[in-house]
PDB file of N, CA and C in Angstrom:
ATOM      1  N   UNK A   1       0.808  -1.169   0.000  1.00  0.00           N
ATOM      2  CA  UNK A   1       0.000   0.000   0.000  1.00  0.00           C
ATOM      3  C   UNK A   1       0.874   1.266   0.000  1.00  0.00           C
ATOM      4  N   UNK A   2       1.836   1.292   0.885  1.00  0.00           N
ATOM      5  CA  UNK A   2       2.728   2.443   0.987  1.00  0.00           C
ATOM      6  C   UNK A   2       3.579   2.576  -0.274  1.00  0.00           C
ATOM      7  N   UNK A   3       3.975   1.430  -0.848  1.00  0.00           N
ATOM      8  CA  UNK A   3       4.784   1.462  -2.074  1.00  0.00           C
ATOM      9  C   UNK A   3       3.992   2.051  -3.237  1.00  0.00           C
ATOM     10  N   UNK A   4       2.691   1.729  -3.313  1.00  0.00           N
ATOM     11  CA  UNK A   4       1.849   2.258  -4.388  1.00  0.00           C
ATOM     12  C   UNK A   4       1.728   3.773  -4.275  1.00  0.00           C
ATOM     13  N   UNK A   5       1.590   4.268  -3.046  1.00  0.00           N
ATOM     14  CA  UNK A   5       1.490   5.711  -2.837  1.00  0.00           C
ATOM     15  C   UNK A   5       2.776   6.402  -3.267  1.00  0.00           C
ATOM     16  N   UNK A   6       3.930   5.802  -2.921  1.00  0.00           N
ATOM     17  CA  UNK A   6       5.212   6.387  -3.295  1.00  0.00           C
ATOM     18  C   UNK A   6       5.354   6.450  -4.817  1.00  0.00           C
ATOM     19  N   UNK A   7       4.923   5.374  -5.515  1.00  0.00           N
ATOM     20  CA  UNK A   7       5.006   5.361  -6.974  1.00  0.00           C
ATOM     21  C   UNK A   7       4.109   6.441  -7.575  1.00  0.00           C
ATOM     22  N   UNK A   8       2.911   6.593  -7.014  1.00  0.00           N
ATOM     23  CA  UNK A   8       1.978   7.609  -7.503  1.00  0.00           C
ATOM     24  C   UNK A   8       2.551   9.005  -7.266  1.00  0.00           C
ATOM     25  N   UNK A   9       3.172   9.214  -6.113  1.00  0.00           N
ATOM     26  CA  UNK A   9       3.767  10.513  -5.807  1.00  0.00           C
ATOM     27  C   UNK A   9       4.916  10.833  -6.748  1.00  0.00           C
ATOM     28  N   UNK A  10       5.737   9.838  -7.056  1.00  0.00           N
ATOM     29  CA  UNK A  10       6.859  10.082  -7.964  1.00  0.00           C
ATOM     30  C   UNK A  10       6.355  10.389  -9.363  1.00  0.00           C
ATOM     31  N   UNK A  11       5.259   9.747  -9.792  1.00  0.00           N
ATOM     32  CA  UNK A  11       4.694  10.046 -11.109  1.00  0.00           C
ATOM     33  C   UNK A  11       4.178  11.481 -11.162  1.00  0.00           C
ATOM     34  N   UNK A  12       3.495  11.905 -10.092  1.00  0.00           N
ATOM     35  CA  UNK A  12       2.983  13.275 -10.032  1.00  0.00           C
ATOM     36  C   UNK A  12       4.127  14.285 -10.051  1.00  0.00           C
ATOM     37  N   UNK A  13       5.208  13.990  -9.323  1.00  0.00           N
ATOM     38  CA  UNK A  13       6.361  14.884  -9.288  1.00  0.00           C
ATOM     39  C   UNK A  13       6.993  14.998 -10.665  1.00  0.00           C
ATOM     40  N   UNK A  14       7.063  13.869 -11.389  1.00  0.00           N
ATOM     41  CA  UNK A  14       7.645  13.893 -12.728  1.00  0.00           C
ATOM     42  C   UNK A  14       6.824  14.756 -13.684  1.00  0.00           C
ATOM     43  N   UNK A  15       5.505  14.640 -13.625  1.00  0.00           N
ATOM     44  CA  UNK A  15       4.677  15.444 -14.519  1.00  0.00           C
ATOM     45  C   UNK A  15       4.749  16.911 -14.140  1.00  0.00           C
ATOM     46  N   UNK A  16       4.792  17.217 -12.836  1.00  0.00           N
ATOM     47  CA  UNK A  16       4.912  18.608 -12.409  1.00  0.00           C
ATOM     48  C   UNK A  16       6.238  19.200 -12.850  1.00  0.00           C
ATOM     49  N   UNK A  17       7.310  18.426 -12.734  1.00  0.00           N
ATOM     50  CA  UNK A  17       8.626  18.916 -13.139  1.00  0.00           C
ATOM     51  C   UNK A  17       8.674  19.172 -14.632  1.00  0.00           C
ATOM     52  N   UNK A  18       8.066  18.281 -15.428  1.00  0.00           N
ATOM     53  CA  UNK A  18       8.090  18.489 -16.875  1.00  0.00           C
ATOM     54  C   UNK A  18       7.276  19.722 -17.249  1.00  0.00           C
ATOM     55  N   UNK A  19       6.168  19.977 -16.511  1.00  0.00           N
ATOM     56  CA  UNK A  19       5.370  21.179 -16.753  1.00  0.00           C
ATOM     57  C   UNK A  19       6.148  22.435 -16.405  1.00  0.00           C
ATOM     58  N   UNK A  20       6.870  22.380 -15.283  1.00  0.00           N
ATOM     59  CA  UNK A  20       7.690  23.528 -14.888  1.00  0.00           C
ATOM     60  C   UNK A  20       8.812  23.758 -15.881  1.00  0.00           C
ATOM     61  N   UNK A  21       9.408  22.679 -16.344  1.00  0.00           N
ATOM     62  CA  UNK A  21      10.498  22.803 -17.299  1.00  0.00           C
ATOM     63  C   UNK A  21      10.001  23.429 -18.598  1.00  0.00           C
ATOM     64  N   UNK A  22       8.823  23.028 -19.023  1.00  0.00           N
ATOM     65  CA  UNK A  22       8.271  23.577 -20.264  1.00  0.00           C
ATOM     66  C   UNK A  22       8.002  25.067 -20.106  1.00  0.00           C
ATOM     67  N   UNK A  23       7.471  25.475 -18.939  1.00  0.00           N
ATOM     68  CA  UNK A  23       7.192  26.884 -18.724  1.00  0.00           C
ATOM     69  C   UNK A  23       8.469  27.692 -18.597  1.00  0.00           C
ATOM     70  N   UNK A  24       9.487  27.100 -18.015  1.00  0.00           N
ATOM     71  CA  UNK A  24      10.743  27.825 -17.858  1.00  0.00           C
ATOM     72  C   UNK A  24      11.437  28.009 -19.204  1.00  0.00           C
ATOM     73  N   UNK A  25      11.146  27.155 -20.168  1.00  0.00           N
ATOM     74  CA  UNK A  25      11.740  27.294 -21.497  1.00  0.00           C
ATOM     75  C   UNK A  25      10.920  28.213 -22.390  1.00  0.00           C
ATOM     76  N   UNK A  26       9.883  28.834 -21.833  1.00  0.00           N
ATOM     77  CA  UNK A  26       9.105  29.770 -22.623  1.00  0.00           C
ATOM     78  C   UNK A  26       7.843  29.146 -23.214  1.00  0.00           C
ATOM     79  N   UNK A  27       7.655  27.863 -23.043  1.00  0.00           N
ATOM     80  CA  UNK A  27       6.439  27.236 -23.562  1.00  0.00           C
ATOM     81  C   UNK A  27       5.389  27.242 -22.464  1.00  0.00           C
ATOM     82  N   UNK A  28       4.187  27.530 -22.836  1.00  0.00           N
ATOM     83  CA  UNK A  28       3.091  27.517 -21.871  1.00  0.00           C
ATOM     84  C   UNK A  28       2.029  26.533 -22.335  1.00  0.00           C
ATOM     85  N   UNK A  29       1.186  26.195 -21.421  1.00  0.00           N
ATOM     86  CA  UNK A  29       0.091  25.304 -21.773  1.00  0.00           C
ATOM     87  C   UNK A  29      -0.910  26.055 -22.634  1.00  0.00           C
ATOM     88  N   UNK A  30      -1.462  25.372 -23.591  1.00  0.00           N
ATOM     89  CA  UNK A  30      -2.453  26.005 -24.455  1.00  0.00           C
ATOM     90  C   UNK A  30      -3.840  25.545 -24.061  1.00  0.00           C
ATOM     91  N   UNK A  31      -4.774  26.461 -24.178  1.00  0.00           N
ATOM     92  CA  UNK A  31      -6.158  26.115 -23.906  1.00  0.00           C
ATOM     93  C   UNK A  31      -6.706  25.317 -25.072  1.00  0.00           C
ATOM     94  N   UNK A  32      -7.649  24.440 -24.813  1.00  0.00           N
ATOM     95  CA  UNK A  32      -8.271  23.736 -25.927  1.00  0.00           C
ATOM     96  C   UNK A  32      -9.077  24.727 -26.770  1.00  0.00           C
ATOM     97  N   UNK A  33      -9.197  24.494 -28.049  1.00  0.00           N
ATOM     98  CA  UNK A  33      -9.920  25.452 -28.900  1.00  0.00           C
ATOM     99  C   UNK A  33     -11.388  25.529 -28.509  1.00  0.00           C
ATOM    100  N   UNK A  34     -11.960  26.713 -28.690  1.00  0.00           N
ATOM    101  CA  UNK A  34     -13.368  26.914 -28.357  1.00  0.00           C
ATOM    102  C   UNK A  34     -14.239  26.257 -29.399  1.00  0.00           C
ATOM    103  N   UNK A  35     -15.390  25.854 -28.951  1.00  0.00           N
ATOM    104  CA  UNK A  35     -16.366  25.292 -29.883  1.00  0.00           C
ATOM    105  C   UNK A  35     -17.008  26.444 -30.653  1.00  0.00           C
ATOM    106  N   UNK A  36     -17.265  26.233 -31.915  1.00  0.00           N
ATOM    107  CA  UNK A  36     -17.922  27.268 -32.707  1.00  0.00           C
ATOM    108  C   UNK A  36     -17.185  27.478 -34.010  1.00  0.00           C
ATOM    109  N   UNK A  37     -17.636  28.452 -34.731  1.00  0.00           N
ATOM    110  CA  UNK A  37     -17.101  28.683 -36.069  1.00  0.00           C
ATOM    111  C   UNK A  37     -15.730  29.351 -36.029  1.00  0.00           C
ATOM    112  N   UNK A  38     -15.456  30.121 -34.981  1.00  0.00           N
ATOM    113  CA  UNK A  38     -14.174  30.787 -34.897  1.00  0.00           C
ATOM    114  C   UNK A  38     -14.181  32.166 -35.537  1.00  0.00           C
ATOM    115  N   UNK A  39     -15.146  32.418 -36.387  1.00  0.00           N
ATOM    116  CA  UNK A  39     -15.250  33.734 -37.004  1.00  0.00           C
ATOM    117  C   UNK A  39     -16.321  34.536 -36.305  1.00  0.00           C
ATOM    118  N   UNK A  40     -16.099  35.812 -36.252  1.00  0.00           N
ATOM    119  CA  UNK A  40     -17.118  36.699 -35.711  1.00  0.00           C
ATOM    120  C   UNK A  40     -18.041  37.103 -36.839  1.00  0.00           C
ATOM    121  N   UNK A  41     -19.329  37.017 -36.567  1.00  0.00           N
ATOM    122  CA  UNK A  41     -20.285  37.444 -37.575  1.00  0.00           C
ATOM    123  C   UNK A  41     -20.409  38.949 -37.558  1.00  0.00           C
ATOM    124  N   UNK A  42     -20.458  39.521 -38.733  1.00  0.00           N
ATOM    125  CA  UNK A  42     -20.684  40.957 -38.806  1.00  0.00           C
ATOM    126  C   UNK A  42     -22.124  41.234 -38.430  1.00  0.00           C
ATOM    127  N   UNK A  43     -22.368  42.281 -37.681  1.00  0.00           N
ATOM    128  CA  UNK A  43     -23.749  42.587 -37.347  1.00  0.00           C
ATOM    129  C   UNK A  43     -24.540  42.940 -38.604  1.00  0.00           C
ATOM    130  N   UNK A  44     -25.765  42.463 -38.645  1.00  0.00           N
ATOM    131  CA  UNK A  44     -26.596  42.726 -39.813  1.00  0.00           C
ATOM    132  C   UNK A  44     -27.002  44.181 -39.858  1.00  0.00           C
ATOM    133  N   UNK A  45     -27.119  44.686 -41.042  1.00  0.00           N
ATOM    134  CA  UNK A  45     -27.608  46.045 -41.229  1.00  0.00           C
ATOM    135  C   UNK A  45     -29.123  46.030 -41.176  1.00  0.00           C
ATOM    136  N   UNK A  46     -29.706  47.080 -40.653  1.00  0.00           N
ATOM    137  CA  UNK A  46     -31.150  47.207 -40.598  1.00  0.00           C
ATOM    138  C   UNK A  46     -31.678  47.332 -42.025  1.00  0.00           C
ATOM    139  N   UNK A  47     -32.636  46.473 -42.379  1.00  0.00           N
ATOM    140  CA  UNK A  47     -33.165  46.457 -43.749  1.00  0.00           C
ATOM    141  C   UNK A  47     -33.861  47.769 -44.088  1.00  0.00           C
ATOM    142  N   UNK A  48     -34.491  48.393 -43.115  1.00  0.00           N
ATOM    143  CA  UNK A  48     -35.192  49.653 -43.368  1.00  0.00           C
ATOM    144  C   UNK A  48     -34.217  50.813 -43.490  1.00  0.00           C
ATOM    145  N   UNK A  49     -33.139  50.795 -42.718  1.00  0.00           N
ATOM    146  CA  UNK A  49     -32.130  51.860 -42.820  1.00  0.00           C
ATOM    147  C   UNK A  49     -31.396  51.778 -44.159  1.00  0.00           C
ATOM    148  N   UNK A  50     -31.097  50.563 -44.601  1.00  0.00           N
ATOM    149  CA  UNK A  50     -30.364  50.388 -45.853  1.00  0.00           C
ATOM    150  C   UNK A  50     -31.202  50.859 -47.039  1.00  0.00           C
ATOM    151  N   UNK A  51     -32.507  50.491 -47.034  1.00  0.00           N
ATOM    152  CA  UNK A  51     -33.377  50.883 -48.141  1.00  0.00           C
ATOM    153  C   UNK A  51     -33.985  52.267 -47.939  1.00  0.00           C
ATOM    154  N   UNK A  52     -33.623  52.906 -46.823  1.00  0.00           N
ATOM    155  CA  UNK A  52     -34.051  54.271 -46.497  1.00  0.00           C
ATOM    156  C   UNK A  52     -35.573  54.415 -46.503  1.00  0.00           C
ATOM    157  N   UNK A  53     -36.258  53.451 -45.870  1.00  0.00           N
ATOM    158  CA  UNK A  53     -37.701  53.518 -45.713  1.00  0.00           C
ATOM    159  C   UNK A  53     -38.000  54.504 -44.599  1.00  0.00           C
ATOM    160  N   UNK A  54     -38.828  55.503 -44.894  1.00  0.00           N
ATOM    161  CA  UNK A  54     -39.094  56.527 -43.889  1.00  0.00           C
ATOM    162  C   UNK A  54     -40.174  56.093 -42.909  1.00  0.00           C
ATOM    163  N   UNK A  55     -41.182  55.322 -43.386  1.00  0.00           N
ATOM    164  CA  UNK A  55     -42.277  54.962 -42.513  1.00  0.00           C
ATOM    165  C   UNK A  55     -42.675  53.510 -42.744  1.00  0.00           C
ATOM    166  N   UNK A  56     -42.957  52.805 -41.675  1.00  0.00           N
ATOM    167  CA  UNK A  56     -43.436  51.432 -41.747  1.00  0.00           C
ATOM    168  C   UNK A  56     -44.953  51.508 -41.600  1.00  0.00           C
ATOM    169  N   UNK A  57     -45.668  51.057 -42.612  1.00  0.00           N
ATOM    170  CA  UNK A  57     -47.114  51.200 -42.623  1.00  0.00           C
ATOM    171  C   UNK A  57     -47.782  49.878 -42.265  1.00  0.00           C
ATOM    172  N   UNK A  58     -48.821  49.928 -41.450  1.00  0.00           N
ATOM    173  CA  UNK A  58     -49.517  48.714 -41.030  1.00  0.00           C
ATOM    174  C   UNK A  58     -50.306  48.077 -42.167  1.00  0.00           C
ATOM    175  N   UNK A  59     -50.582  48.836 -43.239  1.00  0.00           N
ATOM    176  CA  UNK A  59     -51.349  48.300 -44.371  1.00  0.00           C
ATOM    177  C   UNK A  59     -50.482  47.473 -45.317  1.00  0.00           C
ATOM    178  N   UNK A  60     -49.162  47.549 -45.166  1.00  0.00           N
ATOM    179  CA  UNK A  60     -48.254  46.777 -46.018  1.00  0.00           C
ATOM    180  C   UNK A  60     -48.006  45.421 -45.364  1.00  0.00           C
ATOM    181  N   UNK A  61     -48.977  44.526 -45.520  1.00  0.00           N
ATOM    182  CA  UNK A  61     -48.937  43.236 -44.836  1.00  0.00           C
ATOM    183  C   UNK A  61     -47.772  42.386 -45.341  1.00  0.00           C
ATOM    184  N   UNK A  62     -47.462  42.463 -46.639  1.00  0.00           N
ATOM    185  CA  UNK A  62     -46.352  41.679 -47.192  1.00  0.00           C
ATOM    186  C   UNK A  62     -45.016  42.093 -46.578  1.00  0.00           C
ATOM    187  N   UNK A  63     -44.911  43.357 -46.230  1.00  0.00           N
ATOM    188  CA  UNK A  63     -43.692  43.858 -45.597  1.00  0.00           C
ATOM    189  C   UNK A  63     -43.578  43.364 -44.151  1.00  0.00           C
ATOM    190  N   UNK A  64     -44.716  43.195 -43.489  1.00  0.00           N
ATOM    191  CA  UNK A  64     -44.720  42.817 -42.069  1.00  0.00           C
ATOM    192  C   UNK A  64     -44.603  41.312 -41.846  1.00  0.00           C
ATOM    193  N   UNK A  65     -44.992  40.503 -42.812  1.00  0.00           N
ATOM    194  CA  UNK A  65     -45.020  39.036 -42.634  1.00  0.00           C
ATOM    195  C   UNK A  65     -43.684  38.439 -42.177  1.00  0.00           C
ATOM    196  N   UNK A  66     -42.534  38.845 -42.731  1.00  0.00           N
ATOM    197  CA  UNK A  66     -41.275  38.228 -42.270  1.00  0.00           C
ATOM    198  C   UNK A  66     -40.944  38.499 -40.798  1.00  0.00           C
ATOM    199  N   UNK A  67     -41.580  39.495 -40.218  1.00  0.00           N
ATOM    200  CA  UNK A  67     -41.277  39.868 -38.840  1.00  0.00           C
ATOM    201  C   UNK A  67     -42.247  39.240 -37.843  1.00  0.00           C
ATOM    202  N   UNK A  68     -43.106  38.320 -38.337  1.00  0.00           N
ATOM    203  CA  UNK A  68     -44.035  37.597 -37.475  1.00  0.00           C
ATOM    204  C   UNK A  68     -43.706  36.116 -37.581  1.00  0.00           C
ATOM    205  N   UNK A  69     -43.607  35.434 -36.436  1.00  0.00           N
ATOM    206  CA  UNK A  69     -43.315  34.000 -36.428  1.00  0.00           C
ATOM    207  C   UNK A  69     -44.531  33.209 -36.906  1.00  0.00           C
ATOM    208  N   UNK A  70     -44.330  31.916 -37.108  1.00  0.00           N
ATOM    209  CA  UNK A  70     -45.411  31.040 -37.543  1.00  0.00           C
ATOM    210  C   UNK A  70     -46.568  31.034 -36.551  1.00  0.00           C
ATOM    211  N   UNK A  71     -46.250  31.167 -35.290  1.00  0.00           N
ATOM    212  CA  UNK A  71     -47.274  31.116 -34.252  1.00  0.00           C
ATOM    213  C   UNK A  71     -47.920  32.468 -34.004  1.00  0.00           C
ATOM    214  N   UNK A  72     -47.469  33.498 -34.709  1.00  0.00           N
ATOM    215  CA  UNK A  72     -48.068  34.820 -34.566  1.00  0.00           C
ATOM    216  C   UNK A  72     -47.285  35.778 -33.696  1.00  0.00           C
ATOM    217  N   UNK A  73     -46.182  35.334 -33.127  1.00  0.00           N
ATOM    218  CA  UNK A  73     -45.378  36.212 -32.269  1.00  0.00           C
ATOM    219  C   UNK A  73     -44.535  37.154 -33.118  1.00  0.00           C
ATOM    220  N   UNK A  74     -44.249  38.311 -32.562  1.00  0.00           N
ATOM    221  CA  UNK A  74     -43.358  39.263 -33.226  1.00  0.00           C
ATOM    222  C   UNK A  74     -41.935  38.802 -32.989  1.00  0.00           C
ATOM    223  N   UNK A  75     -41.149  38.745 -34.051  1.00  0.00           N
ATOM    224  CA  UNK A  75     -39.767  38.290 -33.922  1.00  0.00           C
ATOM    225  C   UNK A  75     -38.928  39.316 -33.157  1.00  0.00           C
ATOM    226  N   UNK A  76     -37.995  38.852 -32.314  1.00  0.00           N
ATOM    227  CA  UNK A  76     -37.143  39.785 -31.580  1.00  0.00           C
ATOM    228  C   UNK A  76     -36.084  40.413 -32.481  1.00  0.00           C
ATOM    229  N   UNK A  77     -35.495  41.446 -31.987  1.00  0.00           N
ATOM    230  CA  UNK A  77     -34.513  42.219 -32.742  1.00  0.00           C
ATOM    231  C   UNK A  77     -33.300  41.415 -33.151  1.00  0.00           C
ATOM    232  N   UNK A  78     -32.858  40.495 -32.300  1.00  0.00           N
ATOM    233  CA  UNK A  78     -31.674  39.704 -32.618  1.00  0.00           C
ATOM    234  C   UNK A  78     -31.936  38.759 -33.783  1.00  0.00           C
ATOM    235  N   UNK A  79     -33.198  38.435 -34.057  1.00  0.00           N
ATOM    236  CA  UNK A  79     -33.529  37.590 -35.199  1.00  0.00           C
ATOM    237  C   UNK A  79     -33.784  38.407 -36.453  1.00  0.00           C
ATOM    238  N   UNK A  80     -34.420  39.560 -36.305  1.00  0.00           N
ATOM    239  CA  UNK A  80     -34.767  40.359 -37.474  1.00  0.00           C
ATOM    240  C   UNK A  80     -33.588  41.168 -37.994  1.00  0.00           C
ATOM    241  N   UNK A  81     -32.698  41.580 -37.100  1.00  0.00           N
ATOM    242  CA  UNK A  81     -31.558  42.383 -37.511  1.00  0.00           C
ATOM    243  C   UNK A  81     -31.900  43.848 -37.703  1.00  0.00           C
ATOM    244  N   UNK A  82     -33.047  44.278 -37.195  1.00  0.00           N
ATOM    245  CA  UNK A  82     -33.450  45.674 -37.326  1.00  0.00           C
ATOM    246  C   UNK A  82     -32.817  46.518 -36.225  1.00  0.00           C
ATOM    247  N   UNK A  83     -32.720  47.815 -36.501  1.00  0.00           N
ATOM    248  CA  UNK A  83     -32.257  48.727 -35.451  1.00  0.00           C
ATOM    249  C   UNK A  83     -33.413  48.927 -34.472  1.00  0.00           C
ATOM    250  N   UNK A  84     -33.146  49.515 -33.335  1.00  0.00           N
ATOM    251  CA  UNK A  84     -34.155  49.663 -32.280  1.00  0.00           C
ATOM    252  C   UNK A  84     -35.328  50.517 -32.751  1.00  0.00           C
ATOM    253  N   UNK A  85     -35.026  51.575 -33.461  1.00  0.00           N
ATOM    254  CA  UNK A  85     -36.085  52.481 -33.929  1.00  0.00           C
ATOM    255  C   UNK A  85     -37.054  51.762 -34.856  1.00  0.00           C
ATOM    256  N   UNK A  86     -36.515  51.047 -35.835  1.00  0.00           N
ATOM    257  CA  UNK A  86     -37.379  50.363 -36.790  1.00  0.00           C
ATOM    258  C   UNK A  86     -38.047  49.127 -36.182  1.00  0.00           C
ATOM    259  N   UNK A  87     -37.405  48.477 -35.223  1.00  0.00           N
ATOM    260  CA  UNK A  87     -38.045  47.348 -34.549  1.00  0.00           C
ATOM    261  C   UNK A  87     -39.292  47.824 -33.804  1.00  0.00           C
ATOM    262  N   UNK A  88     -39.198  48.964 -33.140  1.00  0.00           N
ATOM    263  CA  UNK A  88     -40.364  49.520 -32.446  1.00  0.00           C
ATOM    264  C   UNK A  88     -41.479  49.854 -33.431  1.00  0.00           C
ATOM    265  N   UNK A  89     -41.109  50.441 -34.560  1.00  0.00           N
ATOM    266  CA  UNK A  89     -42.114  50.810 -35.556  1.00  0.00           C
ATOM    267  C   UNK A  89     -42.762  49.581 -36.195  1.00  0.00           C
ATOM    268  N   UNK A  90     -41.977  48.552 -36.454  1.00  0.00           N
ATOM    269  CA  UNK A  90     -42.524  47.311 -37.015  1.00  0.00           C
ATOM    270  C   UNK A  90     -43.467  46.671 -36.013  1.00  0.00           C
ATOM    271  N   UNK A  91     -43.094  46.622 -34.758  1.00  0.00           N
ATOM    272  CA  UNK A  91     -43.947  46.030 -33.724  1.00  0.00           C
ATOM    273  C   UNK A  91     -45.266  46.787 -33.622  1.00  0.00           C
ATOM    274  N   UNK A  92     -45.205  48.104 -33.665  1.00  0.00           N
ATOM    275  CA  UNK A  92     -46.424  48.916 -33.584  1.00  0.00           C
ATOM    276  C   UNK A  92     -47.299  48.679 -34.812  1.00  0.00           C
ATOM    277  N   UNK A  93     -46.694  48.578 -35.990  1.00  0.00           N
ATOM    278  CA  UNK A  93     -47.447  48.337 -37.222  1.00  0.00           C
ATOM    279  C   UNK A  93     -48.105  46.951 -37.195  1.00  0.00           C
ATOM    280  N   UNK A  94     -47.402  45.949 -36.673  1.00  0.00           N
ATOM    281  CA  UNK A  94     -47.975  44.601 -36.568  1.00  0.00           C
ATOM    282  C   UNK A  94     -49.170  44.611 -35.620  1.00  0.00           C
ATOM    283  N   UNK A  95     -49.044  45.319 -34.513  1.00  0.00           N
ATOM    284  CA  UNK A  95     -50.150  45.388 -33.557  1.00  0.00           C
ATOM    285  C   UNK A  95     -51.367  46.081 -34.162  1.00  0.00           C
ATOM    286  N   UNK A  96     -51.140  47.132 -34.937  1.00  0.00           N
ATOM    287  CA  UNK A  96     -52.253  47.819 -35.601  1.00  0.00           C
ATOM    288  C   UNK A  96     -52.890  46.922 -36.659  1.00  0.00           C
ATOM    289  N   UNK A  97     -52.057  46.206 -37.402  1.00  0.00           N
ATOM    290  CA  UNK A  97     -52.570  45.305 -38.437  1.00  0.00           C
ATOM    291  C   UNK A  97     -53.349  44.149 -37.803  1.00  0.00           C
ATOM    292  N   UNK A  98     -52.933  43.678 -36.659  1.00  0.00           N
ATOM    293  CA  UNK A  98     -53.670  42.630 -35.953  1.00  0.00           C
ATOM    294  C   UNK A  98     -55.047  43.135 -35.535  1.00  0.00           C
ATOM    295  N   UNK A  99     -55.074  44.357 -35.052  1.00  0.00           N
ATOM    296  CA  UNK A  99     -56.335  44.934 -34.566  1.00  0.00           C
ATOM    297  C   UNK A  99     -57.347  45.061 -35.704  1.00  0.00           C
ATOM    298  N   UNK A 100     -56.870  45.333 -36.907  1.00  0.00           N
ATOM    299  CA  UNK A 100     -57.752  45.448 -38.070  1.00  0.00           C
ATOM    300  C   UNK A 100     -57.894  44.127 -38.822  1.00  0.00           C
ATOM    301  N   UNK A 101     -57.378  43.038 -38.253  1.00  0.00           N
ATOM    302  CA  UNK A 101     -57.475  41.683 -38.811  1.00  0.00           C
ATOM    303  C   UNK A 101     -56.743  41.543 -40.147  1.00  0.00           C
ATOM    304  N   UNK A 102     -55.720  42.329 -40.353  1.00  0.00           N
ATOM    305  CA  UNK A 102     -54.880  42.169 -41.543  1.00  0.00           C
ATOM    306  C   UNK A 102     -53.827  41.092 -41.313  1.00  0.00           C
ATOM    307  N   UNK A 103     -53.370  40.970 -40.063  1.00  0.00           N
ATOM    308  CA  UNK A 103     -52.402  39.948 -39.650  1.00  0.00           C
ATOM    309  C   UNK A 103     -53.053  39.191 -38.487  1.00  0.00           C
ATOM    310  N   UNK A 104     -53.007  37.861 -38.481  1.00  0.00           N
ATOM    311  CA  UNK A 104     -53.660  37.127 -37.393  1.00  0.00           C
ATOM    312  C   UNK A 104     -52.908  37.267 -36.068  1.00  0.00           C
ATOM    313  N   UNK A 105     -53.661  37.221 -34.986  1.00  0.00           N
ATOM    314  CA  UNK A 105     -53.040  37.219 -33.658  1.00  0.00           C
ATOM    315  C   UNK A 105     -52.287  35.912 -33.448  1.00  0.00           C
ATOM    316  N   UNK A 106     -52.953  34.808 -33.781  1.00  0.00           N
ATOM    317  CA  UNK A 106     -52.316  33.494 -33.724  1.00  0.00           C
ATOM    318  C   UNK A 106     -52.731  32.715 -34.966  1.00  0.00           C
ATOM    319  N   UNK A 107     -51.962  31.717 -35.306  1.00  0.00           N
ATOM    320  CA  UNK A 107     -52.324  30.865 -36.434  1.00  0.00           C
ATOM    321  C   UNK A 107     -52.941  29.590 -35.898  1.00  0.00           C
ATOM    322  N   UNK A 108     -53.770  28.981 -36.701  1.00  0.00           N
ATOM    323  CA  UNK A 108     -54.376  27.720 -36.254  1.00  0.00           C
ATOM    324  C   UNK A 108     -53.310  26.642 -36.348  1.00  0.00           C
ATOM    325  N   UNK A 109     -52.960  26.083 -35.218  1.00  0.00           N
ATOM    326  CA  UNK A 109     -51.897  25.090 -35.176  1.00  0.00           C
ATOM    327  C   UNK A 109     -52.333  23.892 -34.367  1.00  0.00           C
ATOM    328  N   UNK A 110     -51.396  22.969 -34.190  1.00  0.00           N
ATOM    329  CA  UNK A 110     -51.663  21.775 -33.391  1.00  0.00           C
ATOM    330  C   UNK A 110     -51.723  22.129 -31.928  1.00  0.00           C
ATOM    331  N   UNK A 111     -52.462  21.394 -31.193  1.00  0.00           N
ATOM    332  CA  UNK A 111     -52.513  21.580 -29.744  1.00  0.00           C
ATOM    333  C   UNK A 111     -51.983  20.394 -29.065  1.00  0.00           C
TER     334      UNK A 111
END
């Protein structure tokens, strides 16, 4: 039992010494690579700012459809890529269109 502990201790000392030796020679331990693509995505440009749309109208249902999920929820800004100003205007236009039954509140789906 005591001999096994001594062998384990000597193995640990050997690995520690080799680690110290590597660091003293200028080599350091490297972190494992991160999971993911490795590239940073460029932030999306606001579609309304790029096309210089001055007003988002609730009557333009085709324009509003991409900003509504299948279940009828308004898509968040991180999904739409809109700036804060236009996201607020799109949300307000969707709510007005819902009130006039141009856009459904919810879609008929499975339960």
